[in-house]
N, C-alpha and C. Protein backbone atom coordinates (compact mmCIF):
# COMPACT_ATOMS: atom_id res chain seq x y z
N UNK A 1 -30.38 107.78 15.89
CA UNK A 1 -31.82 107.69 16.09
C UNK A 1 -32.34 108.99 16.71
N UNK A 2 -33.45 109.46 16.17
CA UNK A 2 -34.11 110.63 16.72
C UNK A 2 -35.45 110.21 17.33
N UNK A 3 -35.83 110.86 18.42
CA UNK A 3 -37.05 110.51 19.14
C UNK A 3 -38.03 111.67 19.14
N UNK A 4 -39.24 111.41 18.71
CA UNK A 4 -40.33 112.38 18.80
C UNK A 4 -41.27 111.91 19.90
N UNK A 5 -41.38 112.70 20.96
CA UNK A 5 -42.21 112.35 22.11
C UNK A 5 -43.49 113.18 22.04
N UNK A 6 -44.63 112.50 22.08
CA UNK A 6 -45.93 113.15 21.90
C UNK A 6 -46.69 113.24 23.22
N UNK A 7 -47.37 114.36 23.40
CA UNK A 7 -48.46 114.43 24.36
C UNK A 7 -49.61 113.61 23.77
N UNK A 8 -50.64 113.32 24.57
CA UNK A 8 -51.76 112.51 24.06
C UNK A 8 -53.01 113.36 23.83
N UNK A 9 -53.67 113.77 24.91
CA UNK A 9 -54.94 114.51 24.78
C UNK A 9 -54.72 115.84 24.09
N UNK A 10 -55.41 116.05 22.99
CA UNK A 10 -55.30 117.30 22.26
C UNK A 10 -54.14 117.35 21.29
N UNK A 11 -53.31 116.29 21.28
CA UNK A 11 -52.16 116.25 20.38
C UNK A 11 -52.25 115.04 19.45
N UNK A 12 -52.35 113.86 20.02
CA UNK A 12 -52.55 112.66 19.21
C UNK A 12 -54.02 112.52 18.83
N UNK A 13 -54.90 112.78 19.78
CA UNK A 13 -56.33 112.58 19.55
C UNK A 13 -57.15 113.63 20.30
N UNK A 14 -58.33 113.91 19.76
CA UNK A 14 -59.27 114.82 20.42
C UNK A 14 -60.15 113.98 21.34
N UNK A 15 -59.84 114.02 22.63
CA UNK A 15 -60.53 113.18 23.61
C UNK A 15 -61.63 113.93 24.36
N UNK A 16 -61.84 115.20 24.03
CA UNK A 16 -62.72 116.05 24.83
C UNK A 16 -64.14 115.49 24.94
N UNK A 17 -64.72 115.03 23.84
CA UNK A 17 -66.12 114.59 23.86
C UNK A 17 -66.34 113.43 24.81
N UNK A 18 -65.42 112.47 24.81
CA UNK A 18 -65.58 111.32 25.72
C UNK A 18 -65.32 111.69 27.17
N UNK A 19 -64.40 112.62 27.40
CA UNK A 19 -64.17 113.10 28.76
C UNK A 19 -65.41 113.82 29.30
N UNK A 20 -66.00 114.65 28.46
CA UNK A 20 -67.20 115.40 28.87
C UNK A 20 -68.37 114.46 29.08
N UNK A 21 -68.51 113.46 28.23
CA UNK A 21 -69.58 112.47 28.40
C UNK A 21 -69.47 111.79 29.75
N UNK A 22 -68.26 111.43 30.14
CA UNK A 22 -68.09 110.74 31.42
C UNK A 22 -68.42 111.67 32.59
N UNK A 23 -68.10 112.95 32.47
CA UNK A 23 -68.44 113.91 33.53
C UNK A 23 -69.95 114.08 33.65
N UNK A 24 -70.62 114.21 32.51
CA UNK A 24 -72.08 114.38 32.54
C UNK A 24 -72.78 113.15 33.11
N UNK A 25 -72.30 111.98 32.76
CA UNK A 25 -72.88 110.76 33.31
C UNK A 25 -72.68 110.69 34.82
N UNK A 26 -71.51 111.10 35.26
CA UNK A 26 -71.23 111.09 36.70
C UNK A 26 -72.16 112.04 37.45
N UNK A 27 -72.42 113.20 36.84
CA UNK A 27 -73.26 114.21 37.48
C UNK A 27 -74.75 113.98 37.22
N UNK A 28 -75.06 113.00 36.36
CA UNK A 28 -76.46 112.65 36.12
C UNK A 28 -77.22 113.61 35.25
N UNK A 29 -76.49 114.39 34.44
CA UNK A 29 -77.14 115.32 33.51
C UNK A 29 -76.45 115.21 32.17
N UNK A 30 -77.21 115.13 31.10
CA UNK A 30 -76.63 114.86 29.78
C UNK A 30 -75.96 116.07 29.14
N UNK A 31 -76.30 117.29 29.56
CA UNK A 31 -75.78 118.47 28.87
C UNK A 31 -75.25 119.53 29.84
N UNK A 32 -74.90 119.14 31.06
CA UNK A 32 -74.39 120.11 32.01
C UNK A 32 -73.07 120.70 31.53
N UNK A 33 -72.18 119.83 31.05
CA UNK A 33 -70.95 120.26 30.40
C UNK A 33 -71.15 120.08 28.91
N UNK A 34 -70.91 121.13 28.14
CA UNK A 34 -71.23 121.12 26.71
C UNK A 34 -69.99 120.78 25.88
N UNK A 35 -70.06 119.75 25.01
CA UNK A 35 -68.88 119.35 24.24
C UNK A 35 -68.31 120.44 23.35
N UNK A 36 -69.16 121.32 22.84
CA UNK A 36 -68.67 122.40 21.97
C UNK A 36 -68.11 123.56 22.78
N UNK A 37 -68.88 124.00 23.76
CA UNK A 37 -68.50 125.20 24.53
C UNK A 37 -67.40 124.92 25.54
N UNK A 38 -67.35 123.70 26.06
CA UNK A 38 -66.47 123.39 27.19
C UNK A 38 -65.30 122.49 26.82
N UNK A 39 -64.91 122.49 25.57
CA UNK A 39 -63.81 121.62 25.14
C UNK A 39 -62.52 121.91 25.92
N UNK A 40 -62.24 123.19 26.13
CA UNK A 40 -61.03 123.55 26.87
C UNK A 40 -61.09 123.05 28.30
N UNK A 41 -62.26 123.15 28.91
CA UNK A 41 -62.44 122.67 30.28
C UNK A 41 -62.09 121.19 30.40
N UNK A 42 -62.45 120.41 29.39
CA UNK A 42 -62.20 118.97 29.43
C UNK A 42 -60.72 118.66 29.59
N UNK A 43 -59.86 119.47 28.98
CA UNK A 43 -58.44 119.19 29.03
C UNK A 43 -57.78 119.68 30.31
N UNK A 44 -58.56 120.31 31.19
CA UNK A 44 -58.05 120.64 32.52
C UNK A 44 -58.27 119.47 33.48
N UNK A 45 -58.95 118.41 33.01
CA UNK A 45 -59.07 117.20 33.80
C UNK A 45 -60.47 116.96 34.34
N UNK A 46 -60.69 115.71 34.76
CA UNK A 46 -62.00 115.30 35.25
C UNK A 46 -62.45 116.08 36.47
N UNK A 47 -61.54 116.35 37.40
CA UNK A 47 -61.92 117.05 38.62
C UNK A 47 -62.34 118.48 38.33
N UNK A 48 -61.68 119.11 37.37
CA UNK A 48 -62.07 120.47 36.98
C UNK A 48 -63.48 120.48 36.40
N UNK A 49 -63.81 119.48 35.58
CA UNK A 49 -65.16 119.40 35.02
C UNK A 49 -66.19 119.18 36.13
N UNK A 50 -65.87 118.32 37.08
CA UNK A 50 -66.81 118.05 38.17
C UNK A 50 -67.06 119.30 39.01
N UNK A 51 -65.99 120.02 39.32
CA UNK A 51 -66.16 121.25 40.10
C UNK A 51 -67.04 122.25 39.36
N UNK A 52 -66.77 122.42 38.07
CA UNK A 52 -67.56 123.37 37.29
C UNK A 52 -69.00 122.92 37.16
N UNK A 53 -69.22 121.63 36.96
CA UNK A 53 -70.58 121.12 36.87
C UNK A 53 -71.37 121.37 38.14
N UNK A 54 -70.76 121.14 39.29
CA UNK A 54 -71.44 121.38 40.56
C UNK A 54 -71.69 122.87 40.78
N UNK A 55 -70.76 123.71 40.34
CA UNK A 55 -70.98 125.16 40.45
C UNK A 55 -72.18 125.58 39.61
N UNK A 56 -72.30 125.01 38.41
CA UNK A 56 -73.42 125.36 37.53
C UNK A 56 -74.76 124.93 38.13
N UNK A 57 -74.72 123.92 38.98
CA UNK A 57 -75.95 123.51 39.67
C UNK A 57 -76.11 124.21 41.02
N UNK A 58 -75.17 125.14 41.28
CA UNK A 58 -75.21 125.91 42.53
C UNK A 58 -75.14 125.00 43.75
N UNK A 59 -74.40 123.90 43.63
CA UNK A 59 -74.24 122.98 44.75
C UNK A 59 -72.99 123.33 45.54
N UNK A 60 -73.07 123.23 46.82
CA UNK A 60 -71.88 123.34 47.65
C UNK A 60 -71.19 121.98 47.69
N UNK A 61 -69.86 122.00 47.77
CA UNK A 61 -69.12 120.75 47.76
C UNK A 61 -67.75 120.97 48.39
N UNK A 62 -67.14 119.88 48.81
CA UNK A 62 -65.77 119.92 49.28
C UNK A 62 -64.95 118.94 48.46
N UNK A 63 -63.66 118.87 48.71
CA UNK A 63 -62.80 118.01 47.91
C UNK A 63 -63.07 116.53 48.13
N UNK A 64 -63.61 116.17 49.29
CA UNK A 64 -63.98 114.77 49.50
C UNK A 64 -65.09 114.37 48.54
N UNK A 65 -66.03 115.28 48.30
CA UNK A 65 -67.10 115.01 47.33
C UNK A 65 -66.54 114.88 45.92
N UNK A 66 -65.60 115.75 45.58
CA UNK A 66 -64.98 115.67 44.26
C UNK A 66 -64.24 114.36 44.08
N UNK A 67 -63.51 113.93 45.09
CA UNK A 67 -62.77 112.67 45.00
C UNK A 67 -63.71 111.49 44.80
N UNK A 68 -64.82 111.49 45.50
CA UNK A 68 -65.79 110.40 45.35
C UNK A 68 -66.39 110.39 43.95
N UNK A 69 -66.74 111.57 43.46
CA UNK A 69 -67.29 111.67 42.11
C UNK A 69 -66.25 111.29 41.06
N UNK A 70 -65.01 111.65 41.32
CA UNK A 70 -63.95 111.36 40.35
C UNK A 70 -63.77 109.86 40.16
N UNK A 71 -63.88 109.10 41.22
CA UNK A 71 -63.80 107.64 41.09
C UNK A 71 -64.89 107.13 40.16
N UNK A 72 -66.09 107.69 40.27
CA UNK A 72 -67.19 107.30 39.39
C UNK A 72 -66.92 107.74 37.95
N UNK A 73 -66.38 108.94 37.80
CA UNK A 73 -66.05 109.43 36.45
C UNK A 73 -65.07 108.50 35.75
N UNK A 74 -64.07 108.03 36.47
CA UNK A 74 -63.09 107.13 35.86
C UNK A 74 -63.73 105.83 35.39
N UNK A 75 -64.70 105.34 36.14
CA UNK A 75 -65.41 104.12 35.73
C UNK A 75 -66.16 104.38 34.42
N UNK A 76 -66.88 105.49 34.36
CA UNK A 76 -67.62 105.83 33.13
C UNK A 76 -66.65 106.02 31.95
N UNK A 77 -65.56 106.72 32.20
CA UNK A 77 -64.63 107.02 31.12
C UNK A 77 -63.96 105.76 30.60
N UNK A 78 -63.55 104.88 31.49
CA UNK A 78 -62.89 103.66 31.03
C UNK A 78 -63.84 102.80 30.21
N UNK A 79 -65.12 102.82 30.54
CA UNK A 79 -66.09 101.99 29.82
C UNK A 79 -66.29 102.48 28.39
N UNK A 80 -66.28 103.80 28.20
CA UNK A 80 -66.50 104.39 26.87
C UNK A 80 -65.36 105.33 26.52
N UNK A 81 -64.14 104.84 26.63
CA UNK A 81 -62.97 105.68 26.46
C UNK A 81 -62.74 106.09 25.02
N UNK A 82 -63.34 105.36 24.09
CA UNK A 82 -63.09 105.64 22.67
C UNK A 82 -64.40 105.68 21.88
N UNK A 83 -65.44 106.21 22.48
CA UNK A 83 -66.72 106.29 21.79
C UNK A 83 -66.68 107.33 20.67
N UNK A 84 -66.11 108.49 20.97
CA UNK A 84 -66.02 109.58 19.99
C UNK A 84 -64.58 109.94 19.64
N UNK A 85 -63.62 109.45 20.40
CA UNK A 85 -62.23 109.84 20.22
C UNK A 85 -61.63 109.23 18.96
N UNK A 86 -60.96 110.07 18.19
CA UNK A 86 -60.28 109.63 16.98
C UNK A 86 -58.92 110.33 16.89
N UNK A 87 -57.94 109.70 16.23
CA UNK A 87 -56.68 110.41 16.01
C UNK A 87 -56.92 111.63 15.13
N UNK A 88 -56.11 112.64 15.31
CA UNK A 88 -56.23 113.81 14.44
C UNK A 88 -55.85 113.43 13.01
N UNK A 89 -56.50 114.03 12.02
CA UNK A 89 -56.22 113.69 10.62
C UNK A 89 -54.74 113.85 10.27
N UNK A 90 -54.25 112.89 9.53
CA UNK A 90 -52.87 112.94 9.04
C UNK A 90 -51.83 112.40 9.99
N UNK A 91 -52.23 112.05 11.23
CA UNK A 91 -51.24 111.56 12.20
C UNK A 91 -50.54 110.30 11.71
N UNK A 92 -51.32 109.31 11.32
CA UNK A 92 -50.74 108.01 10.94
C UNK A 92 -49.80 108.17 9.75
N UNK A 93 -50.21 108.96 8.78
CA UNK A 93 -49.35 109.18 7.61
C UNK A 93 -48.05 109.88 7.98
N UNK A 94 -48.13 110.82 8.93
CA UNK A 94 -46.92 111.50 9.39
C UNK A 94 -45.99 110.54 10.12
N UNK A 95 -46.57 109.66 10.93
CA UNK A 95 -45.75 108.65 11.62
C UNK A 95 -45.06 107.74 10.62
N UNK A 96 -45.78 107.34 9.58
CA UNK A 96 -45.19 106.48 8.55
C UNK A 96 -43.98 107.15 7.92
N UNK A 97 -44.13 108.43 7.55
CA UNK A 97 -43.04 109.15 6.90
C UNK A 97 -41.85 109.31 7.84
N UNK A 98 -42.11 109.66 9.09
CA UNK A 98 -41.03 109.87 10.05
C UNK A 98 -40.33 108.56 10.39
N UNK A 99 -41.10 107.49 10.51
CA UNK A 99 -40.50 106.18 10.81
C UNK A 99 -39.55 105.77 9.70
N UNK A 100 -39.94 106.06 8.47
CA UNK A 100 -39.08 105.74 7.35
C UNK A 100 -37.79 106.53 7.36
N UNK A 101 -37.79 107.68 8.05
CA UNK A 101 -36.58 108.50 8.17
C UNK A 101 -35.81 108.19 9.44
N UNK A 102 -36.22 107.13 10.16
CA UNK A 102 -35.46 106.68 11.32
C UNK A 102 -35.90 107.20 12.67
N UNK A 103 -37.04 107.91 12.71
CA UNK A 103 -37.53 108.42 13.99
C UNK A 103 -38.21 107.30 14.79
N UNK A 104 -38.17 107.43 16.12
CA UNK A 104 -38.94 106.56 17.01
C UNK A 104 -39.85 107.43 17.87
N UNK A 105 -40.94 106.83 18.35
CA UNK A 105 -42.00 107.61 18.98
C UNK A 105 -42.34 107.10 20.38
N UNK A 106 -42.60 108.03 21.27
CA UNK A 106 -43.08 107.71 22.60
C UNK A 106 -44.15 108.69 23.00
N UNK A 107 -44.81 108.41 24.11
CA UNK A 107 -45.86 109.28 24.64
C UNK A 107 -45.50 109.67 26.06
N UNK A 108 -45.59 110.96 26.34
CA UNK A 108 -45.41 111.50 27.68
C UNK A 108 -46.65 112.34 27.98
N UNK A 109 -47.52 111.84 28.82
CA UNK A 109 -48.83 112.44 29.03
C UNK A 109 -49.12 112.63 30.52
N UNK A 110 -50.06 113.52 30.80
CA UNK A 110 -50.56 113.65 32.17
C UNK A 110 -51.89 112.93 32.35
N UNK A 111 -52.24 112.09 31.38
CA UNK A 111 -53.38 111.18 31.53
C UNK A 111 -52.89 109.95 32.31
N UNK A 112 -53.64 109.47 33.30
CA UNK A 112 -53.18 108.29 34.05
C UNK A 112 -52.72 107.17 33.10
N UNK A 113 -51.61 106.54 33.44
CA UNK A 113 -50.98 105.60 32.52
C UNK A 113 -51.94 104.50 32.06
N UNK A 114 -52.68 103.90 32.97
CA UNK A 114 -53.57 102.80 32.59
C UNK A 114 -54.62 103.26 31.59
N UNK A 115 -55.18 104.46 31.79
CA UNK A 115 -56.17 104.98 30.86
C UNK A 115 -55.53 105.31 29.52
N UNK A 116 -54.34 105.88 29.56
CA UNK A 116 -53.64 106.20 28.31
C UNK A 116 -53.36 104.93 27.50
N UNK A 117 -52.92 103.89 28.18
CA UNK A 117 -52.65 102.63 27.47
C UNK A 117 -53.93 102.03 26.91
N UNK A 118 -55.00 102.10 27.68
CA UNK A 118 -56.27 101.57 27.19
C UNK A 118 -56.74 102.32 25.95
N UNK A 119 -56.61 103.65 25.97
CA UNK A 119 -57.04 104.45 24.83
C UNK A 119 -56.20 104.15 23.60
N UNK A 120 -54.88 104.07 23.76
CA UNK A 120 -54.02 103.81 22.61
C UNK A 120 -54.31 102.44 22.01
N UNK A 121 -54.64 101.46 22.85
CA UNK A 121 -55.01 100.14 22.33
C UNK A 121 -56.32 100.22 21.55
N UNK A 122 -57.30 100.96 22.08
CA UNK A 122 -58.58 101.12 21.38
C UNK A 122 -58.40 101.82 20.03
N UNK A 123 -57.46 102.75 19.97
CA UNK A 123 -57.18 103.47 18.72
C UNK A 123 -56.29 102.66 17.78
N UNK A 124 -55.84 101.49 18.23
CA UNK A 124 -54.93 100.63 17.46
C UNK A 124 -53.64 101.37 17.10
N UNK A 125 -53.17 102.20 18.04
CA UNK A 125 -51.93 102.94 17.84
C UNK A 125 -50.86 102.57 18.85
N UNK A 126 -51.16 101.65 19.75
CA UNK A 126 -50.22 101.33 20.81
C UNK A 126 -48.90 100.79 20.27
N UNK A 127 -48.94 100.08 19.14
CA UNK A 127 -47.71 99.52 18.60
C UNK A 127 -46.80 100.60 18.00
N UNK A 128 -47.36 101.77 17.72
CA UNK A 128 -46.56 102.85 17.14
C UNK A 128 -45.76 103.60 18.21
N UNK A 129 -46.19 103.46 19.46
CA UNK A 129 -45.57 104.19 20.56
C UNK A 129 -45.14 103.17 21.63
N UNK A 130 -43.98 102.55 21.47
CA UNK A 130 -43.59 101.45 22.37
C UNK A 130 -43.32 101.87 23.82
N UNK A 131 -43.14 103.17 24.06
CA UNK A 131 -42.95 103.66 25.42
C UNK A 131 -44.03 104.70 25.72
N UNK A 132 -44.72 104.51 26.82
CA UNK A 132 -45.76 105.45 27.26
C UNK A 132 -45.56 105.73 28.74
N UNK A 133 -45.44 107.01 29.07
CA UNK A 133 -45.23 107.44 30.45
C UNK A 133 -46.37 108.36 30.86
N UNK A 134 -46.99 108.06 31.99
CA UNK A 134 -48.07 108.88 32.50
C UNK A 134 -47.65 109.63 33.75
N UNK A 135 -48.57 110.37 34.38
CA UNK A 135 -48.23 111.14 35.58
C UNK A 135 -47.97 110.27 36.80
N UNK A 136 -48.42 109.03 36.73
CA UNK A 136 -48.26 108.11 37.85
C UNK A 136 -47.21 107.03 37.59
N UNK A 137 -46.46 107.18 36.48
CA UNK A 137 -45.42 106.20 36.16
C UNK A 137 -44.20 106.39 37.06
N UNK A 138 -43.85 107.66 37.28
CA UNK A 138 -42.71 108.00 38.13
C UNK A 138 -43.17 108.95 39.23
N UNK A 139 -42.23 109.40 40.02
CA UNK A 139 -42.58 110.27 41.15
C UNK A 139 -42.92 111.69 40.71
N UNK A 140 -42.56 112.05 39.48
CA UNK A 140 -42.82 113.39 38.96
C UNK A 140 -43.72 113.31 37.73
N UNK A 141 -44.37 114.42 37.41
CA UNK A 141 -45.20 114.52 36.22
C UNK A 141 -44.85 115.80 35.47
N UNK A 142 -45.23 115.89 34.20
CA UNK A 142 -45.01 117.13 33.47
C UNK A 142 -45.62 118.30 34.24
N UNK A 143 -44.95 119.46 34.26
CA UNK A 143 -43.81 119.88 33.44
C UNK A 143 -42.41 119.53 33.98
N UNK A 144 -42.32 118.72 35.02
CA UNK A 144 -41.00 118.25 35.44
C UNK A 144 -40.38 117.47 34.28
N UNK A 145 -39.08 117.63 34.03
CA UNK A 145 -38.47 116.97 32.86
C UNK A 145 -38.28 115.47 33.00
N UNK A 146 -38.37 114.93 34.23
CA UNK A 146 -38.09 113.50 34.43
C UNK A 146 -38.94 112.59 33.54
N UNK A 147 -40.27 112.76 33.47
CA UNK A 147 -41.05 111.84 32.62
C UNK A 147 -40.63 111.89 31.15
N UNK A 148 -40.33 113.09 30.66
CA UNK A 148 -39.87 113.20 29.27
C UNK A 148 -38.56 112.45 29.07
N UNK A 149 -37.61 112.70 29.95
CA UNK A 149 -36.31 112.06 29.82
C UNK A 149 -36.41 110.54 29.90
N UNK A 150 -37.28 110.05 30.78
CA UNK A 150 -37.44 108.60 30.92
C UNK A 150 -38.13 108.00 29.69
N UNK A 151 -39.00 108.77 29.04
CA UNK A 151 -39.62 108.29 27.81
C UNK A 151 -38.57 108.09 26.73
N UNK A 152 -37.70 109.08 26.60
CA UNK A 152 -36.62 108.98 25.62
C UNK A 152 -35.70 107.81 25.97
N UNK A 153 -35.34 107.71 27.25
CA UNK A 153 -34.45 106.62 27.68
C UNK A 153 -35.06 105.26 27.38
N UNK A 154 -36.37 105.13 27.59
CA UNK A 154 -37.04 103.87 27.32
C UNK A 154 -36.99 103.47 25.86
N UNK A 155 -36.91 104.46 24.99
CA UNK A 155 -36.79 104.19 23.55
C UNK A 155 -35.36 103.86 23.14
N UNK A 156 -34.42 104.03 24.06
CA UNK A 156 -33.02 103.82 23.74
C UNK A 156 -32.39 105.02 23.08
N UNK A 157 -33.03 106.18 23.21
CA UNK A 157 -32.53 107.39 22.58
C UNK A 157 -31.74 108.28 23.52
N UNK A 158 -31.34 109.43 23.00
CA UNK A 158 -30.63 110.43 23.77
C UNK A 158 -31.47 111.70 23.79
N UNK A 159 -31.53 112.34 24.96
CA UNK A 159 -32.34 113.55 25.10
C UNK A 159 -31.92 114.61 24.10
N UNK A 160 -30.62 114.70 23.83
CA UNK A 160 -30.12 115.69 22.88
C UNK A 160 -30.55 115.45 21.45
N UNK A 161 -31.11 114.28 21.17
CA UNK A 161 -31.62 113.96 19.83
C UNK A 161 -33.12 113.69 19.90
N UNK A 162 -33.80 114.49 20.69
CA UNK A 162 -35.24 114.30 20.87
C UNK A 162 -35.96 115.64 20.89
N UNK A 163 -37.26 115.59 20.77
CA UNK A 163 -38.09 116.79 20.89
C UNK A 163 -39.49 116.37 21.34
N UNK A 164 -40.28 117.38 21.71
CA UNK A 164 -41.62 117.14 22.24
C UNK A 164 -42.66 117.79 21.35
N UNK A 165 -43.76 117.07 21.14
CA UNK A 165 -44.89 117.59 20.38
C UNK A 165 -46.09 117.62 21.32
N UNK A 166 -46.68 118.79 21.52
CA UNK A 166 -47.78 118.92 22.46
C UNK A 166 -48.75 120.02 22.06
N UNK A 167 -49.56 120.45 23.03
CA UNK A 167 -50.59 121.44 22.70
C UNK A 167 -50.82 122.46 23.81
N UNK A 168 -49.92 122.53 24.80
CA UNK A 168 -50.23 123.34 25.97
C UNK A 168 -48.99 123.99 26.56
N UNK A 169 -49.23 124.91 27.50
CA UNK A 169 -48.13 125.52 28.24
C UNK A 169 -47.34 124.45 29.01
N UNK A 170 -48.04 123.45 29.54
CA UNK A 170 -47.35 122.37 30.25
C UNK A 170 -46.33 121.69 29.36
N UNK A 171 -46.70 121.44 28.11
CA UNK A 171 -45.77 120.79 27.18
C UNK A 171 -44.60 121.72 26.86
N UNK A 172 -44.91 123.01 26.66
CA UNK A 172 -43.83 123.97 26.41
C UNK A 172 -42.86 123.98 27.59
N UNK A 173 -43.39 124.04 28.80
CA UNK A 173 -42.54 124.11 29.98
C UNK A 173 -41.75 122.82 30.19
N UNK A 174 -42.35 121.70 29.85
CA UNK A 174 -41.63 120.41 29.95
C UNK A 174 -40.43 120.39 29.03
N UNK A 175 -40.64 120.81 27.79
CA UNK A 175 -39.55 120.82 26.82
C UNK A 175 -38.45 121.78 27.24
N UNK A 176 -38.82 122.94 27.72
CA UNK A 176 -37.81 123.91 28.16
C UNK A 176 -37.01 123.34 29.33
N UNK A 177 -37.69 122.68 30.27
CA UNK A 177 -37.00 122.09 31.41
C UNK A 177 -36.05 120.98 30.99
N UNK A 178 -36.42 120.25 29.93
CA UNK A 178 -35.58 119.16 29.44
C UNK A 178 -34.51 119.64 28.47
N UNK A 179 -34.62 120.90 28.02
CA UNK A 179 -33.64 121.44 27.09
C UNK A 179 -33.76 120.93 25.68
N UNK A 180 -35.02 120.69 25.23
CA UNK A 180 -35.25 120.17 23.88
C UNK A 180 -36.23 121.07 23.13
N UNK A 181 -36.26 120.98 21.80
CA UNK A 181 -37.24 121.75 21.04
C UNK A 181 -38.66 121.27 21.32
N UNK A 182 -39.61 122.17 21.11
CA UNK A 182 -41.02 121.82 21.29
C UNK A 182 -41.84 122.34 20.12
N UNK A 183 -42.72 121.48 19.63
CA UNK A 183 -43.70 121.83 18.60
C UNK A 183 -45.07 121.81 19.26
N UNK A 184 -45.84 122.87 19.08
CA UNK A 184 -47.20 122.92 19.63
C UNK A 184 -48.21 122.94 18.49
N UNK A 185 -49.23 122.10 18.61
CA UNK A 185 -50.25 121.97 17.56
C UNK A 185 -51.35 123.00 17.80
N UNK A 186 -51.94 123.48 16.72
CA UNK A 186 -53.00 124.48 16.82
C UNK A 186 -54.39 123.86 16.89
N UNK A 187 -54.48 122.53 16.78
CA UNK A 187 -55.79 121.88 16.83
C UNK A 187 -56.09 121.33 18.22
N UNK A 188 -55.25 121.69 19.20
CA UNK A 188 -55.49 121.31 20.58
C UNK A 188 -56.31 122.35 21.31
N UNK A 189 -56.17 122.37 22.63
CA UNK A 189 -57.04 123.17 23.47
C UNK A 189 -56.86 124.68 23.26
N UNK A 190 -55.66 125.14 22.95
CA UNK A 190 -55.41 126.58 22.85
C UNK A 190 -55.57 127.14 21.45
N UNK A 191 -55.74 126.27 20.45
CA UNK A 191 -55.85 126.77 19.09
C UNK A 191 -54.57 127.51 18.68
N UNK A 192 -54.74 128.56 17.90
CA UNK A 192 -53.59 129.31 17.40
C UNK A 192 -52.91 130.14 18.49
N UNK A 193 -53.53 130.22 19.66
CA UNK A 193 -52.90 130.95 20.77
C UNK A 193 -51.62 130.28 21.24
N UNK A 194 -51.36 129.03 20.80
CA UNK A 194 -50.11 128.38 21.20
C UNK A 194 -48.90 129.17 20.70
N UNK A 195 -49.08 129.95 19.64
CA UNK A 195 -47.97 130.75 19.13
C UNK A 195 -47.47 131.75 20.17
N UNK A 196 -48.37 132.18 21.07
CA UNK A 196 -47.98 133.13 22.12
C UNK A 196 -47.02 132.50 23.13
N UNK A 197 -46.92 131.18 23.14
CA UNK A 197 -46.02 130.49 24.06
C UNK A 197 -44.60 130.36 23.51
N UNK A 198 -44.40 130.91 22.31
CA UNK A 198 -43.08 130.93 21.67
C UNK A 198 -42.45 129.54 21.55
N UNK A 199 -43.19 128.56 20.99
CA UNK A 199 -42.57 127.25 20.77
C UNK A 199 -41.56 127.32 19.63
N UNK A 200 -40.83 126.25 19.44
CA UNK A 200 -39.87 126.21 18.33
C UNK A 200 -40.55 125.97 16.99
N UNK A 201 -41.75 125.41 17.05
CA UNK A 201 -42.53 125.20 15.84
C UNK A 201 -44.01 125.17 16.16
N UNK A 202 -44.82 125.64 15.22
CA UNK A 202 -46.28 125.61 15.35
C UNK A 202 -46.82 124.74 14.22
N UNK A 203 -47.69 123.79 14.57
CA UNK A 203 -48.19 122.82 13.59
C UNK A 203 -49.69 122.96 13.40
N UNK A 204 -50.10 123.26 12.17
CA UNK A 204 -51.51 123.37 11.82
C UNK A 204 -52.06 122.07 11.26
N UNK A 205 -51.20 121.25 10.68
CA UNK A 205 -51.64 120.05 9.96
C UNK A 205 -50.54 119.00 10.08
N UNK A 206 -50.93 117.77 10.42
CA UNK A 206 -49.93 116.71 10.56
C UNK A 206 -49.18 116.43 9.26
N UNK A 207 -49.74 116.82 8.13
CA UNK A 207 -49.03 116.63 6.87
C UNK A 207 -47.71 117.40 6.85
N UNK A 208 -47.64 118.46 7.65
CA UNK A 208 -46.43 119.29 7.67
C UNK A 208 -45.42 118.85 8.73
N UNK A 209 -45.76 117.83 9.53
CA UNK A 209 -44.88 117.46 10.64
C UNK A 209 -43.53 116.92 10.20
N UNK A 210 -43.45 116.02 9.21
CA UNK A 210 -42.11 115.50 8.84
C UNK A 210 -41.13 116.60 8.46
N UNK A 211 -41.55 117.54 7.64
CA UNK A 211 -40.64 118.63 7.23
C UNK A 211 -40.27 119.50 8.41
N UNK A 212 -41.23 119.76 9.29
CA UNK A 212 -40.96 120.61 10.45
C UNK A 212 -39.93 119.95 11.38
N UNK A 213 -40.10 118.65 11.64
CA UNK A 213 -39.16 117.97 12.53
C UNK A 213 -37.77 117.85 11.90
N UNK A 214 -37.73 117.65 10.62
CA UNK A 214 -36.42 117.59 9.94
C UNK A 214 -35.68 118.91 10.07
N UNK A 215 -36.43 120.02 10.01
CA UNK A 215 -35.80 121.34 10.14
C UNK A 215 -35.30 121.57 11.56
N UNK A 216 -36.05 121.08 12.56
CA UNK A 216 -35.67 121.29 13.95
C UNK A 216 -34.57 120.36 14.43
N UNK A 217 -34.55 119.14 13.88
CA UNK A 217 -33.58 118.15 14.33
C UNK A 217 -33.12 117.34 13.11
N UNK A 218 -32.22 117.91 12.34
CA UNK A 218 -31.78 117.25 11.10
C UNK A 218 -31.08 115.92 11.37
N UNK A 219 -31.14 115.04 10.40
CA UNK A 219 -30.44 113.76 10.49
C UNK A 219 -28.93 114.00 10.47
N UNK A 220 -28.20 113.08 11.10
CA UNK A 220 -26.75 113.14 11.03
C UNK A 220 -26.14 114.05 12.08
């Protein structure tokens, strides 16, 4: 059995628009954070968006203010977690092909576990990923290798027969720490700049994923 472990935000689905919507609602302005211009900011997390939004309003703030606002942001985000979010094109078809070749799938994300599970259920993809590990599942979070290894273990797999699919330096560093190959997608936050991180594979289209994974981790 081979295991393909996926990041979530920017890899399985483009969640930026809903994350930005929740930040704007929290700050009480509909366009303070722009979905087109600030997509990269969204993937740095809710607190990063809140800090930047307050800076744009020239407001002074401390971390206690950010923590209070963040609690509100989570409420907004959970309510509309899948308003605009969709899986990237070709994902489901790639999973079908890989499953037929004996692969199993898990998620290792830095999105809080409860939110990640809620989103995957809304996307009707939760059954495809029987193991999901978030930053609060264990004592460590990516890029520490523990969450990745535990995701593989939960699937009943072996780390030596697994790899990671992500979109960021954090994912690259996680895979290197775990000693496994890493594929970085170009439709995430960094675009084609992911090639500068020297991953084992670069993915432009999910239609190419089965062949790429077979080359990196052949059967048998």
